[in-house]
Amino acid sequence: MTQVLQKRAERERRAAEDLRRWHAEHFRAAKELLYKIKETERILASACASLPNEEGDARLRRTGYTTLLTVRDTDVPQPTDDAMVFDAVHLEIVQEALQQAHTLLEEAEHLTAEISILSEGDTPHAANVMFEAAWDAAGALETTRGTQDAAFRAVIAMQDPIAAFQASVREELGVATPSPHRGVTAFRSNPGRAD
């Protein structure tokens, strides 16, 4: 009888360890993916301020450029004091941001695949939607066929997929969502007491 109980306890212990390991791996992959996507969002949002205006985009298209990544600094004005002119400094800022975003998104792609293996339910789909929204935002900044407004909208459009992914992961991991009233104590006056 003792041996049977010991074997059962050992099976339960191993099952609990496996569950903890799965939980930890799932949390790690989700956290890393979320970090890379949010860092991409931050980088792209900052770079939006340096994008050319519609006139600048039109001039680059006439020169034959379809992507800001291939524009040479000799094909734009050298640094000027006019913030409205898309010059070599703005080009460098945008190109560096796009390269950083592409690196982060390549790493995020591996994590998205990992989540598709580790997770079930809505989480893999939510991860893919969030990942695609990030690529769309990077593409909106990169193209010379778009506008500053379209790029800003694409970056802002990342927010809902990020929130949906977070909610899905919380649900799958059994993490309670904090109450907006947490830490707030409400006091009621004593109805029988005259104030």
Protein backbone atom coordinates (compact mmCIF):
# COMPACT_ATOMS: atom_id res chain seq x y z
CA MET A 1 0.00 0.00 0.00
CA THR A 2 2.85 2.37 0.88
CA GLN A 3 4.54 1.72 -2.48
CA VAL A 4 1.31 2.42 -4.37
CA LEU A 5 0.86 5.70 -2.53
CA GLN A 6 4.52 6.66 -3.11
CA LYS A 7 4.21 5.94 -6.86
CA ARG A 8 1.04 7.97 -7.08
CA ALA A 9 2.67 10.86 -5.19
CA GLU A 10 5.68 10.69 -7.54
CA ARG A 11 3.41 10.79 -10.62
CA GLU A 12 1.56 13.77 -9.21
CA ARG A 13 4.84 15.52 -8.38
CA ARG A 14 6.15 14.98 -11.92
CA ALA A 15 2.89 16.18 -13.44
CA ALA A 16 3.03 19.33 -11.29
CA GLU A 17 6.65 19.94 -12.33
CA ASP A 18 5.76 19.50 -16.00
CA LEU A 19 2.89 21.96 -15.61
CA ARG A 20 5.16 24.51 -13.89
CA ARG A 21 7.79 24.08 -16.62
CA TRP A 22 5.17 24.53 -19.36
CA HIS A 23 3.77 27.57 -17.58
CA ALA A 24 7.25 29.11 -17.25
CA GLU A 25 8.14 28.46 -20.92
CA HIS A 26 4.83 29.83 -22.12
CA PHE A 27 5.22 32.93 -19.97
CA ARG A 28 8.81 33.47 -21.20
CA ALA A 29 7.89 33.19 -24.90
CA ALA A 30 4.85 35.47 -24.53
CA LYS A 31 6.81 38.04 -22.51
CA GLU A 32 9.68 38.13 -25.03
CA LEU A 33 7.30 38.42 -27.98
CA LEU A 34 5.34 41.21 -26.30
CA TYR A 35 8.55 43.08 -25.46
CA LYS A 36 9.83 42.89 -29.06
CA ILE A 37 6.51 44.05 -30.51
CA LYS A 38 6.15 46.93 -28.03
CA GLU A 39 9.76 47.98 -28.64
CA THR A 40 9.02 47.92 -32.38
CA GLU A 41 5.95 50.09 -31.77
CA ARG A 42 8.00 52.60 -29.75
CA ILE A 43 10.76 52.81 -32.39
CA LEU A 44 8.31 53.23 -35.27
CA ALA A 45 6.20 55.81 -33.44
CA SER A 46 9.31 57.88 -32.77
CA ALA A 47 10.47 57.59 -36.40
CA CYS A 48 7.12 58.82 -37.73
CA ALA A 49 8.11 62.37 -36.79
CA SER A 50 11.06 62.19 -39.20
CA LEU A 51 9.16 60.92 -42.25
CA PRO A 52 9.00 63.03 -45.40
CA ASN A 53 5.80 64.90 -46.15
CA GLU A 54 3.77 64.09 -49.28
CA GLU A 55 5.87 66.46 -51.38
CA GLY A 56 9.06 64.74 -50.17
CA ASP A 57 7.62 61.30 -50.92
CA ALA A 58 6.61 62.43 -54.42
CA ARG A 59 10.14 63.74 -55.08
CA LEU A 60 11.67 60.43 -53.95
CA ARG A 61 9.24 58.48 -56.16
CA ARG A 62 10.24 60.63 -59.15
CA THR A 63 13.85 59.71 -58.39
CA GLY A 64 12.80 56.05 -58.57
CA TYR A 65 12.69 55.12 -54.88
CA THR A 66 9.85 52.99 -53.53
CA THR A 67 11.36 52.35 -50.10
CA LEU A 68 13.16 54.69 -47.72
CA LEU A 69 15.65 51.93 -46.91
CA THR A 70 17.34 52.28 -50.29
CA VAL A 71 17.46 56.09 -50.48
CA ARG A 72 21.03 57.40 -50.47
CA ASP A 73 21.86 60.41 -48.34
CA THR A 74 23.20 62.15 -51.46
CA ASP A 75 19.67 62.09 -52.92
CA VAL A 76 18.17 64.23 -50.15
CA PRO A 77 19.16 67.70 -48.93
CA GLN A 78 22.10 67.83 -46.55
CA PRO A 79 21.25 68.73 -42.94
CA THR A 80 19.23 71.92 -42.70
CA ASP A 81 17.75 73.92 -39.85
CA ASP A 82 14.30 73.60 -41.41
CA ALA A 83 12.41 70.87 -39.58
CA MET A 84 9.91 70.68 -42.45
CA VAL A 85 12.58 69.56 -44.95
CA PHE A 86 13.29 65.84 -45.20
CA ASP A 87 17.07 65.93 -45.12
CA ALA A 88 19.98 63.52 -44.56
CA VAL A 89 19.49 63.58 -40.78
CA HIS A 90 15.82 62.61 -41.06
CA LEU A 91 16.74 59.89 -43.55
CA GLU A 92 19.31 58.44 -41.16
CA ILE A 93 16.80 58.43 -38.28
CA VAL A 94 14.15 56.64 -40.35
CA GLN A 95 16.56 54.11 -41.87
CA GLU A 96 18.06 53.26 -38.49
CA ALA A 97 14.58 52.86 -36.97
CA LEU A 98 13.48 50.58 -39.80
CA GLN A 99 16.59 48.42 -39.47
CA GLN A 100 16.02 48.10 -35.71
CA ALA A 101 12.35 47.26 -36.29
CA HIS A 102 13.21 44.62 -38.89
CA THR A 103 15.70 42.97 -36.53
CA LEU A 104 13.12 42.90 -33.73
CA LEU A 105 10.44 41.53 -36.05
CA GLU A 106 12.71 38.74 -37.30
CA GLU A 107 13.24 37.71 -33.67
CA ALA A 108 9.51 38.09 -33.01
CA GLU A 109 8.74 35.73 -35.89
CA HIS A 110 10.62 32.92 -34.11
CA LEU A 111 8.75 33.63 -30.90
CA THR A 112 5.42 33.65 -32.75
CA ALA A 113 6.24 30.17 -34.05
CA GLU A 114 7.24 29.06 -30.55
CA ILE A 115 3.94 30.32 -29.14
CA SER A 116 2.04 28.40 -31.82
CA ILE A 117 3.63 25.23 -30.37
CA LEU A 118 3.41 26.09 -26.66
CA SER A 119 -0.06 27.63 -26.65
CA GLU A 120 -3.56 26.68 -27.57
CA GLY A 121 -6.87 28.43 -27.91
CA ASP A 122 -6.83 32.05 -29.10
CA THR A 123 -3.24 32.86 -28.14
CA PRO A 124 -1.44 31.68 -31.33
CA HIS A 125 -3.96 33.56 -33.49
CA ALA A 126 -3.64 36.69 -31.33
CA ALA A 127 0.16 36.45 -31.60
CA ASN A 128 -0.05 36.25 -35.40
CA VAL A 129 -2.45 39.20 -35.64
CA MET A 130 -0.17 41.30 -33.42
CA PHE A 131 2.91 40.28 -35.43
CA GLU A 132 1.22 41.13 -38.76
CA ALA A 133 0.11 44.53 -37.42
CA ALA A 134 3.73 45.29 -36.52
CA TRP A 135 4.93 44.33 -40.02
CA ASP A 136 2.18 46.48 -41.54
CA ALA A 137 3.35 49.44 -39.46
CA ALA A 138 6.97 48.94 -40.52
CA GLY A 139 5.87 48.73 -44.16
CA ALA A 140 3.81 51.90 -43.83
CA LEU A 141 6.89 53.79 -42.63
CA GLU A 142 9.19 52.27 -45.21
CA THR A 143 7.23 53.01 -48.38
CA THR A 144 7.49 56.23 -50.36
CA ARG A 145 3.97 55.58 -51.66
CA GLY A 146 2.32 56.35 -48.33
CA THR A 147 1.87 59.42 -46.17
CA GLN A 148 2.91 60.47 -42.70
CA ASP A 149 -0.71 60.11 -41.58
CA ALA A 150 -0.95 56.57 -42.94
CA ALA A 151 2.24 55.63 -41.09
CA PHE A 152 0.96 57.11 -37.81
CA ARG A 153 -2.35 55.25 -38.25
CA ALA A 154 -0.53 51.97 -38.89
CA VAL A 155 1.52 52.36 -35.71
CA ILE A 156 -1.57 53.26 -33.68
CA ALA A 157 -3.35 50.24 -35.19
CA MET A 158 -0.84 48.01 -33.34
CA GLN A 159 -2.42 48.87 -29.98
CA ASP A 160 -5.59 46.76 -30.24
CA PRO A 161 -3.78 43.56 -31.37
CA ILE A 162 -1.25 44.05 -28.55
CA ALA A 163 -4.07 44.36 -26.00
CA ALA A 164 -5.84 41.29 -27.45
CA PHE A 165 -2.65 39.23 -27.22
CA GLN A 166 -2.06 40.30 -23.62
CA ALA A 167 -5.63 39.38 -22.68
CA SER A 168 -5.37 35.99 -24.38
CA VAL A 169 -2.10 35.14 -22.63
CA ARG A 170 -3.47 36.25 -19.25
CA GLU A 171 -6.49 34.04 -19.72
CA GLU A 172 -4.45 31.04 -20.83
CA LEU A 173 -1.98 31.40 -17.95
CA GLY A 174 -4.76 32.01 -15.44
CA VAL A 175 -3.48 35.45 -14.50
CA ALA A 176 -6.14 37.68 -12.98
CA THR A 177 -6.56 41.10 -14.56
CA PRO A 178 -6.02 43.80 -11.92
CA SER A 179 -9.10 45.70 -10.91
CA PRO A 180 -9.10 49.40 -11.78
CA HIS A 181 -10.17 50.06 -8.16
CA ARG A 182 -7.37 47.98 -6.62
CA GLY A 183 -5.90 49.63 -3.57
CA VAL A 184 -8.77 52.10 -3.26
CA THR A 185 -10.76 51.95 -0.07
CA ALA A 186 -14.30 53.27 -0.21
CA PHE A 187 -15.79 54.70 2.96
CA ARG A 188 -19.48 54.90 3.60
CA SER A 189 -20.87 57.25 6.13
CA ASN A 190 -22.81 55.72 8.97
CA PRO A 191 -26.49 56.20 8.07
CA GLY A 192 -27.50 56.40 11.71
CA ARG A 193 -24.94 59.05 12.50
CA ALA A 194 -25.62 62.77 12.08
CA ASP A 195 -22.65 64.39 10.32
